[in-house]
Amino acid sequence: MRTLITGASSGLGAEMARQLAARGHDLALTARRTDRLDDLRAEIGETSPGVRVATAPLDVTELATVPRVVDGLRAELGGLERVVVNAGAGKGRPIGSGRPDANIETLMTNVVGALATMEAAMAVFRDQGHGHLVVVSSVMSVRAMPRHMTAYAASKAAVARLAEGVRAEVDAGDLAGRVRVTVLHPGYIVSEMTGAKSGRTPLMVDTETGVRAMVEAIEKEVPRAYLPRWPWEVLARVLAVAPPRLARRLG
């Protein structure tokens, strides 16, 4: 299996790379911080010898660059069976509080950058006639959220709907059964994005545990998954219908 992961320099993306390498996947890794990609490639070379790791710098908001990088990594590895759309931002601020730049950056990365990556991935899959598109959304996508979470939750809802639209099109066409689409909705998993929340949220799980649940769902090629399954398969349903006061506490 040859898997491309965007946003692979840290957090969930880096841990996905480690765990998929341990399962024997050849990897194409992209991120803005190439020094971290180099460190990760060296680490994987020691822990998973024999696994090929190709890396390339990529800012997914540089839209014209995305297909060139994806095509280049495809050529380097000799194909891509899976693309994980993982690169994301979570720098939102309350709407109208004087930081529109933070919200715009979040939407540009999480929606527009993700769409550009999906476009490039699906072009590859259409060309070769098979593939697996994996899109990382969030449990926060299930409802509108207040304060600093407003733009982030909206962006993750948008990217989930985009992926589901791709699935609907694929399933109705000649690629049905040959191209699969998985949408992951992680709950609270320790990463750089969770920041200070990591130490004060009882539902938070460590990175290795949370990503293990994500990797298992990816390998099963499920249509969607709330992760880790316990408690988020239940809490996502609660969050979707909870009164605003309770939703704010969960968010």
C-alpha atoms as a PDB file:
ATOM      1  CA  MET A   1       0.000   0.000   0.000  1.00  0.00           C
ATOM      2  CA  ARG A   2       1.320   3.430  -0.979  1.00  0.00           C
ATOM      3  CA  THR A   3      -0.214   6.174   1.160  1.00  0.00           C
ATOM      4  CA  LEU A   4       0.101   9.953   0.937  1.00  0.00           C
ATOM      5  CA  ILE A   5      -0.532  11.985   4.111  1.00  0.00           C
ATOM      6  CA  THR A   6      -0.770  15.775   4.151  1.00  0.00           C
ATOM      7  CA  GLY A   7       0.116  17.686   7.300  1.00  0.00           C
ATOM      8  CA  ALA A   8       2.473  14.869   8.310  1.00  0.00           C
ATOM      9  CA  SER A   9       5.125  16.876  10.152  1.00  0.00           C
ATOM     10  CA  SER A  10       3.533  16.609  13.600  1.00  0.00           C
ATOM     11  CA  GLY A  11       0.545  15.492  15.644  1.00  0.00           C
ATOM     12  CA  LEU A  12      -1.977  13.121  14.115  1.00  0.00           C
ATOM     13  CA  GLY A  13      -0.329  13.110  10.696  1.00  0.00           C
ATOM     14  CA  ALA A  14       3.106  12.159  11.999  1.00  0.00           C
ATOM     15  CA  GLU A  15       1.691   9.418  14.216  1.00  0.00           C
ATOM     16  CA  MET A  16      -0.389   8.058  11.317  1.00  0.00           C
ATOM     17  CA  ALA A  17       2.818   7.846   9.310  1.00  0.00           C
ATOM     18  CA  ARG A  18       4.556   5.900  12.091  1.00  0.00           C
ATOM     19  CA  GLN A  19       1.689   3.463  12.539  1.00  0.00           C
ATOM     20  CA  LEU A  20       1.091   2.910   8.824  1.00  0.00           C
ATOM     21  CA  ALA A  21       4.818   2.389   8.281  1.00  0.00           C
ATOM     22  CA  ALA A  22       4.749  -0.255  11.006  1.00  0.00           C
ATOM     23  CA  ARG A  23       2.060  -2.002   8.926  1.00  0.00           C
ATOM     24  CA  GLY A  24       4.332  -1.956   5.885  1.00  0.00           C
ATOM     25  CA  HIS A  25       2.930   1.025   3.980  1.00  0.00           C
ATOM     26  CA  ASP A  26       5.192   2.992   1.681  1.00  0.00           C
ATOM     27  CA  LEU A  27       4.585   6.653   2.433  1.00  0.00           C
ATOM     28  CA  ALA A  28       4.452  10.023   0.706  1.00  0.00           C
ATOM     29  CA  LEU A  29       4.538  12.723   3.379  1.00  0.00           C
ATOM     30  CA  THR A  30       3.890  16.436   2.924  1.00  0.00           C
ATOM     31  CA  ALA A  31       3.911  19.448   5.233  1.00  0.00           C
ATOM     32  CA  ARG A  32       5.125  23.006   5.391  1.00  0.00           C
ATOM     33  CA  ARG A  33       7.852  22.155   7.932  1.00  0.00           C
ATOM     34  CA  THR A  34      10.282  20.059   5.921  1.00  0.00           C
ATOM     35  CA  ASP A  35      12.838  19.765   8.720  1.00  0.00           C
ATOM     36  CA  ARG A  36      10.302  17.775  10.723  1.00  0.00           C
ATOM     37  CA  LEU A  37       9.520  15.628   7.702  1.00  0.00           C
ATOM     38  CA  ASP A  38      13.217  14.849   7.385  1.00  0.00           C
ATOM     39  CA  ASP A  39      13.360  13.834  11.054  1.00  0.00           C
ATOM     40  CA  LEU A  40      10.257  11.668  10.659  1.00  0.00           C
ATOM     41  CA  ARG A  41      11.656   9.965   7.565  1.00  0.00           C
ATOM     42  CA  ALA A  42      14.868   9.163   9.437  1.00  0.00           C
ATOM     43  CA  GLU A  43      12.883   7.813  12.394  1.00  0.00           C
ATOM     44  CA  ILE A  44      10.754   5.569  10.176  1.00  0.00           C
ATOM     45  CA  GLY A  45      13.906   4.367   8.417  1.00  0.00           C
ATOM     46  CA  GLU A  46      15.134   3.059  11.778  1.00  0.00           C
ATOM     47  CA  THR A  47      11.869   1.638  13.121  1.00  0.00           C
ATOM     48  CA  SER A  48      10.422   0.281   9.863  1.00  0.00           C
ATOM     49  CA  PRO A  49      13.352  -0.659   7.604  1.00  0.00           C
ATOM     50  CA  GLY A  50      12.326  -1.506   4.084  1.00  0.00           C
ATOM     51  CA  VAL A  51       9.488   1.031   4.003  1.00  0.00           C
ATOM     52  CA  ARG A  52       9.961   3.702   1.350  1.00  0.00           C
ATOM     53  CA  VAL A  53       9.307   7.273   2.476  1.00  0.00           C
ATOM     54  CA  ALA A  54       9.075  10.141  -0.023  1.00  0.00           C
ATOM     55  CA  THR A  55       8.658  13.691   1.269  1.00  0.00           C
ATOM     56  CA  ALA A  56       7.812  17.051  -0.259  1.00  0.00           C
ATOM     57  CA  PRO A  57       7.115  20.544   1.081  1.00  0.00           C
ATOM     58  CA  LEU A  58       3.482  21.536   0.669  1.00  0.00           C
ATOM     59  CA  ASP A  59       1.238  24.327   1.879  1.00  0.00           C
ATOM     60  CA  VAL A  60      -2.218  23.154   0.792  1.00  0.00           C
ATOM     61  CA  THR A  61      -3.402  26.758   0.491  1.00  0.00           C
ATOM     62  CA  GLU A  62      -0.962  27.261  -2.397  1.00  0.00           C
ATOM     63  CA  LEU A  63      -3.559  25.766  -4.677  1.00  0.00           C
ATOM     64  CA  ALA A  64      -1.605  25.472  -7.913  1.00  0.00           C
ATOM     65  CA  THR A  65       1.154  23.584  -6.087  1.00  0.00           C
ATOM     66  CA  VAL A  66      -1.049  20.811  -4.700  1.00  0.00           C
ATOM     67  CA  PRO A  67      -1.582  18.743  -7.883  1.00  0.00           C
ATOM     68  CA  ARG A  68       2.087  19.112  -8.874  1.00  0.00           C
ATOM     69  CA  VAL A  69       3.252  17.783  -5.507  1.00  0.00           C
ATOM     70  CA  VAL A  70       0.741  14.919  -5.495  1.00  0.00           C
ATOM     71  CA  ASP A  71       1.683  13.917  -9.047  1.00  0.00           C
ATOM     72  CA  GLY A  72       5.386  14.132  -8.216  1.00  0.00           C
ATOM     73  CA  LEU A  73       5.050  11.885  -5.184  1.00  0.00           C
ATOM     74  CA  ARG A  74       2.902   9.457  -7.177  1.00  0.00           C
ATOM     75  CA  ALA A  75       5.671   9.215  -9.754  1.00  0.00           C
ATOM     76  CA  GLU A  76       8.354   8.789  -7.088  1.00  0.00           C
ATOM     77  CA  LEU A  77       6.540   5.885  -5.423  1.00  0.00           C
ATOM     78  CA  GLY A  78       5.171   4.419  -8.643  1.00  0.00           C
ATOM     79  CA  GLY A  79       1.537   4.986  -7.678  1.00  0.00           C
ATOM     80  CA  LEU A  80      -0.750   5.996  -4.826  1.00  0.00           C
ATOM     81  CA  GLU A  81      -3.439   3.711  -3.453  1.00  0.00           C
ATOM     82  CA  ARG A  82      -4.508   6.055  -0.650  1.00  0.00           C
ATOM     83  CA  VAL A  83      -4.494   9.783   0.095  1.00  0.00           C
ATOM     84  CA  VAL A  84      -5.162  11.030   3.636  1.00  0.00           C
ATOM     85  CA  VAL A  85      -6.381  14.645   3.640  1.00  0.00           C
ATOM     86  CA  ASN A  86      -5.129  15.555   7.086  1.00  0.00           C
ATOM     87  CA  ALA A  87      -3.547  19.036   6.930  1.00  0.00           C
ATOM     88  CA  GLY A  88      -5.575  21.396   9.071  1.00  0.00           C
ATOM     89  CA  ALA A  89      -5.647  24.576  11.133  1.00  0.00           C
ATOM     90  CA  GLY A  90      -7.517  25.449  14.313  1.00  0.00           C
ATOM     91  CA  LYS A  91      -6.738  29.115  14.981  1.00  0.00           C
ATOM     92  CA  GLY A  92     -10.299  30.403  15.121  1.00  0.00           C
ATOM     93  CA  ARG A  93     -11.477  33.418  17.116  1.00  0.00           C
ATOM     94  CA  PRO A  94     -14.982  34.688  17.962  1.00  0.00           C
ATOM     95  CA  ILE A  95     -16.547  36.225  14.879  1.00  0.00           C
ATOM     96  CA  GLY A  96     -16.238  40.023  14.934  1.00  0.00           C
ATOM     97  CA  SER A  97     -13.602  40.063  17.696  1.00  0.00           C
ATOM     98  CA  GLY A  98     -10.943  41.638  15.507  1.00  0.00           C
ATOM     99  CA  ARG A  99      -9.154  38.509  14.276  1.00  0.00           C
ATOM    100  CA  PRO A 100     -10.713  37.688  10.913  1.00  0.00           C
ATOM    101  CA  ASP A 101      -7.277  36.524   9.740  1.00  0.00           C
ATOM    102  CA  ALA A 102      -7.405  33.541  12.115  1.00  0.00           C
ATOM    103  CA  ASN A 103     -10.828  32.462  10.896  1.00  0.00           C
ATOM    104  CA  ILE A 104      -9.943  32.977   7.234  1.00  0.00           C
ATOM    105  CA  GLU A 105      -6.765  30.922   7.660  1.00  0.00           C
ATOM    106  CA  THR A 106      -8.785  28.116   9.257  1.00  0.00           C
ATOM    107  CA  LEU A 107     -11.315  28.064   6.403  1.00  0.00           C
ATOM    108  CA  MET A 108      -8.633  28.342   3.731  1.00  0.00           C
ATOM    109  CA  THR A 109      -6.651  25.420   5.101  1.00  0.00           C
ATOM    110  CA  ASN A 110      -9.458  23.159   6.280  1.00  0.00           C
ATOM    111  CA  VAL A 111     -11.847  23.670   3.362  1.00  0.00           C
ATOM    112  CA  VAL A 112     -10.144  25.175   0.323  1.00  0.00           C
ATOM    113  CA  GLY A 113      -6.822  23.400   0.907  1.00  0.00           C
ATOM    114  CA  ALA A 114      -8.603  20.134   1.624  1.00  0.00           C
ATOM    115  CA  LEU A 115     -10.680  20.516  -1.536  1.00  0.00           C
ATOM    116  CA  ALA A 116      -7.536  21.129  -3.588  1.00  0.00           C
ATOM    117  CA  THR A 117      -6.040  17.942  -2.137  1.00  0.00           C
ATOM    118  CA  MET A 118      -9.205  15.962  -2.859  1.00  0.00           C
ATOM    119  CA  GLU A 119      -9.187  17.248  -6.443  1.00  0.00           C
ATOM    120  CA  ALA A 120      -5.593  16.081  -6.923  1.00  0.00           C
ATOM    121  CA  ALA A 121      -6.221  12.725  -5.251  1.00  0.00           C
ATOM    122  CA  MET A 122      -9.358  11.974  -7.222  1.00  0.00           C
ATOM    123  CA  ALA A 123      -7.624  12.885 -10.474  1.00  0.00           C
ATOM    124  CA  VAL A 124      -5.032  10.217  -9.652  1.00  0.00           C
ATOM    125  CA  PHE A 125      -7.684   7.666  -8.695  1.00  0.00           C
ATOM    126  CA  ARG A 126      -9.740   8.317 -11.825  1.00  0.00           C
ATOM    127  CA  ASP A 127      -6.634   7.913 -13.946  1.00  0.00           C
ATOM    128  CA  GLN A 128      -5.562   4.622 -12.383  1.00  0.00           C
ATOM    129  CA  GLY A 129      -9.100   3.343 -11.785  1.00  0.00           C
ATOM    130  CA  HIS A 130      -8.826   2.713  -8.045  1.00  0.00           C
ATOM    131  CA  GLY A 131      -7.912   4.345  -4.747  1.00  0.00           C
ATOM    132  CA  HIS A 132      -8.965   5.254  -1.230  1.00  0.00           C
ATOM    133  CA  LEU A 133      -9.660   8.862  -0.225  1.00  0.00           C
ATOM    134  CA  VAL A 134      -9.507   9.529   3.521  1.00  0.00           C
ATOM    135  CA  VAL A 135     -10.652  12.908   4.848  1.00  0.00           C
ATOM    136  CA  VAL A 136     -10.037  13.961   8.452  1.00  0.00           C
ATOM    137  CA  SER A 137     -12.992  15.943   9.783  1.00  0.00           C
ATOM    138  CA  SER A 138     -13.897  16.230  13.505  1.00  0.00           C
ATOM    139  CA  VAL A 139     -16.672  15.426  15.943  1.00  0.00           C
ATOM    140  CA  MET A 140     -17.114  19.201  16.117  1.00  0.00           C
ATOM    141  CA  SER A 141     -18.563  18.975  12.590  1.00  0.00           C
ATOM    142  CA  VAL A 142     -21.903  17.698  13.869  1.00  0.00           C
ATOM    143  CA  ARG A 143     -23.229  21.125  14.935  1.00  0.00           C
ATOM    144  CA  ALA A 144     -22.510  24.851  14.988  1.00  0.00           C
ATOM    145  CA  MET A 145     -20.202  25.878  17.821  1.00  0.00           C
ATOM    146  CA  PRO A 146     -19.629  29.248  19.541  1.00  0.00           C
ATOM    147  CA  ARG A 147     -16.609  31.444  20.246  1.00  0.00           C
ATOM    148  CA  HIS A 148     -13.216  30.260  18.967  1.00  0.00           C
ATOM    149  CA  MET A 149     -14.756  27.027  17.627  1.00  0.00           C
ATOM    150  CA  THR A 150     -17.199  28.672  15.186  1.00  0.00           C
ATOM    151  CA  ALA A 151     -14.961  28.728  12.105  1.00  0.00           C
ATOM    152  CA  TYR A 152     -13.295  25.421  12.946  1.00  0.00           C
ATOM    153  CA  ALA A 153     -16.551  23.504  13.398  1.00  0.00           C
ATOM    154  CA  ALA A 154     -17.970  25.015  10.210  1.00  0.00           C
ATOM    155  CA  SER A 155     -14.828  24.096   8.272  1.00  0.00           C
ATOM    156  CA  LYS A 156     -14.939  20.497   9.461  1.00  0.00           C
ATOM    157  CA  ALA A 157     -18.621  20.215   8.580  1.00  0.00           C
ATOM    158  CA  ALA A 158     -17.854  21.552   5.105  1.00  0.00           C
ATOM    159  CA  VAL A 159     -14.990  19.153   4.453  1.00  0.00           C
ATOM    160  CA  ALA A 160     -17.103  16.198   5.599  1.00  0.00           C
ATOM    161  CA  ARG A 161     -19.898  17.180   3.209  1.00  0.00           C
ATOM    162  CA  LEU A 162     -17.396  17.546   0.369  1.00  0.00           C
ATOM    163  CA  ALA A 163     -16.064  14.052   0.991  1.00  0.00           C
ATOM    164  CA  GLU A 164     -19.552  12.597   1.256  1.00  0.00           C
ATOM    165  CA  GLY A 165     -20.430  14.246  -2.052  1.00  0.00           C
ATOM    166  CA  VAL A 166     -17.408  12.598  -3.659  1.00  0.00           C
ATOM    167  CA  ARG A 167     -18.546   9.253  -2.239  1.00  0.00           C
ATOM    168  CA  ALA A 168     -22.051   9.715  -3.600  1.00  0.00           C
ATOM    169  CA  GLU A 169     -20.685  10.474  -7.058  1.00  0.00           C
ATOM    170  CA  VAL A 170     -18.243   7.559  -7.018  1.00  0.00           C
ATOM    171  CA  ASP A 171     -20.843   5.081  -5.793  1.00  0.00           C
ATOM    172  CA  ALA A 172     -23.215   6.078  -8.611  1.00  0.00           C
ATOM    173  CA  GLY A 173     -20.634   5.807 -11.376  1.00  0.00           C
ATOM    174  CA  ASP A 174     -18.199   3.446 -13.021  1.00  0.00           C
ATOM    175  CA  LEU A 175     -15.727   3.741 -10.130  1.00  0.00           C
ATOM    176  CA  ALA A 176     -18.174   2.166  -7.667  1.00  0.00           C
ATOM    177  CA  GLY A 177     -16.360  -0.458  -5.609  1.00  0.00           C
ATOM    178  CA  ARG A 178     -12.987   0.635  -6.945  1.00  0.00           C
ATOM    179  CA  VAL A 179     -12.662   4.033  -5.245  1.00  0.00           C
ATOM    180  CA  ARG A 180     -13.615   4.248  -1.579  1.00  0.00           C
ATOM    181  CA  VAL A 181     -14.115   7.354   0.567  1.00  0.00           C
ATOM    182  CA  THR A 182     -13.662   7.410   4.343  1.00  0.00           C
ATOM    183  CA  VAL A 183     -14.496  10.381   6.590  1.00  0.00           C
ATOM    184  CA  LEU A 184     -12.894  10.338  10.027  1.00  0.00           C
ATOM    185  CA  HIS A 185     -14.374  12.354  12.900  1.00  0.00           C
ATOM    186  CA  PRO A 186     -11.766  12.329  15.682  1.00  0.00           C
ATOM    187  CA  GLY A 187     -12.730  13.414  19.173  1.00  0.00           C
ATOM    188  CA  TYR A 188     -10.214  14.815  21.634  1.00  0.00           C
ATOM    189  CA  ILE A 189      -6.773  13.446  20.762  1.00  0.00           C
ATOM    190  CA  VAL A 190      -3.594  15.055  22.064  1.00  0.00           C
ATOM    191  CA  SER A 191      -1.846  17.032  19.312  1.00  0.00           C
ATOM    192  CA  GLU A 192      -0.342  20.445  18.736  1.00  0.00           C
ATOM    193  CA  MET A 193      -3.811  21.699  17.786  1.00  0.00           C
ATOM    194  CA  THR A 194      -5.395  20.709  21.114  1.00  0.00           C
ATOM    195  CA  GLY A 195      -2.790  22.799  22.938  1.00  0.00           C
ATOM    196  CA  ALA A 196      -3.665  23.776  26.498  1.00  0.00           C
ATOM    197  CA  LYS A 197      -6.891  21.764  26.385  1.00  0.00           C
ATOM    198  CA  SER A 198      -4.806  18.555  26.530  1.00  0.00           C
ATOM    199  CA  GLY A 199      -4.280  18.808  30.264  1.00  0.00           C
ATOM    200  CA  ARG A 200      -7.795  19.728  31.351  1.00  0.00           C
ATOM    201  CA  THR A 201     -10.208  17.646  29.275  1.00  0.00           C
ATOM    202  CA  PRO A 202     -11.128  14.267  30.778  1.00  0.00           C
ATOM    203  CA  LEU A 203     -12.203  12.879  27.381  1.00  0.00           C
ATOM    204  CA  MET A 204      -8.761  13.499  25.854  1.00  0.00           C
ATOM    205  CA  VAL A 205      -6.766  10.434  24.791  1.00  0.00           C
ATOM    206  CA  ASP A 206      -3.076  10.267  24.016  1.00  0.00           C
ATOM    207  CA  THR A 207      -1.904  10.605  20.428  1.00  0.00           C
ATOM    208  CA  GLU A 208      -0.878   6.978  19.942  1.00  0.00           C
ATOM    209  CA  THR A 209      -4.207   5.616  21.214  1.00  0.00           C
ATOM    210  CA  GLY A 210      -6.322   8.054  19.228  1.00  0.00           C
ATOM    211  CA  VAL A 211      -4.404   7.548  16.013  1.00  0.00           C
ATOM    212  CA  ARG A 212      -4.515   3.776  16.413  1.00  0.00           C
ATOM    213  CA  ALA A 213      -8.311   4.039  16.266  1.00  0.00           C
ATOM    214  CA  MET A 214      -8.028   6.237  13.167  1.00  0.00           C
ATOM    215  CA  VAL A 215      -5.640   3.826  11.433  1.00  0.00           C
ATOM    216  CA  GLU A 216      -7.877   0.848  12.159  1.00  0.00           C
ATOM    217  CA  ALA A 217     -10.835   2.670  10.588  1.00  0.00           C
ATOM    218  CA  ILE A 218      -8.698   3.623   7.588  1.00  0.00           C
ATOM    219  CA  GLU A 219      -7.530   0.060   7.057  1.00  0.00           C
ATOM    220  CA  LYS A 220     -11.123  -1.213   7.228  1.00  0.00           C
ATOM    221  CA  GLU A 221     -12.085   1.462   4.655  1.00  0.00           C
ATOM    222  CA  VAL A 222     -15.268   2.313   6.556  1.00  0.00           C
ATOM    223  CA  PRO A 223     -17.438   5.126   5.105  1.00  0.00           C
ATOM    224  CA  ARG A 224     -17.243   7.164   8.334  1.00  0.00           C
ATOM    225  CA  ALA A 225     -16.089   6.780  11.913  1.00  0.00           C
ATOM    226  CA  TYR A 226     -16.264   8.755  15.168  1.00  0.00           C
ATOM    227  CA  LEU A 227     -13.061   8.052  17.056  1.00  0.00           C
ATOM    228  CA  PRO A 228     -12.151   6.605  19.418  1.00  0.00           C
ATOM    229  CA  ARG A 229     -15.437   4.700  19.060  1.00  0.00           C
ATOM    230  CA  TRP A 230     -16.009   4.918  22.805  1.00  0.00           C
ATOM    231  CA  PRO A 231     -17.174   7.443  23.803  1.00  0.00           C
ATOM    232  CA  TRP A 232     -17.458   9.431  20.554  1.00  0.00           C
ATOM    233  CA  GLU A 233     -19.951   7.312  18.626  1.00  0.00           C
ATOM    234  CA  VAL A 234     -22.372   8.090  21.438  1.00  0.00           C
ATOM    235  CA  LEU A 235     -21.230  11.618  22.291  1.00  0.00           C
ATOM    236  CA  ALA A 236     -21.370  12.784  18.673  1.00  0.00           C
ATOM    237  CA  ARG A 237     -25.091  11.973  18.637  1.00  0.00           C
ATOM    238  CA  VAL A 238     -25.542  13.755  21.973  1.00  0.00           C
ATOM    239  CA  LEU A 239     -23.580  16.769  20.766  1.00  0.00           C
ATOM    240  CA  ALA A 240     -25.741  17.071  17.650  1.00  0.00           C
ATOM    241  CA  VAL A 241     -28.928  17.581  19.663  1.00  0.00           C
ATOM    242  CA  ALA A 242     -27.664  18.870  23.021  1.00  0.00           C
ATOM    243  CA  PRO A 243     -28.877  22.219  24.406  1.00  0.00           C
ATOM    244  CA  PRO A 244     -26.430  25.027  23.639  1.00  0.00           C
ATOM    245  CA  ARG A 245     -25.101  25.173  27.203  1.00  0.00           C
ATOM    246  CA  LEU A 246     -24.136  21.484  27.156  1.00  0.00           C
ATOM    247  CA  ALA A 247     -22.746  21.736  23.632  1.00  0.00           C
ATOM    248  CA  ARG A 248     -20.463  24.554  24.775  1.00  0.00           C
ATOM    249  CA  ARG A 249     -19.108  22.337  27.556  1.00  0.00           C
ATOM    250  CA  LEU A 250     -18.396  19.483  25.135  1.00  0.00           C
ATOM    251  CA  GLY A 251     -16.772  21.844  22.653  1.00  0.00           C
END
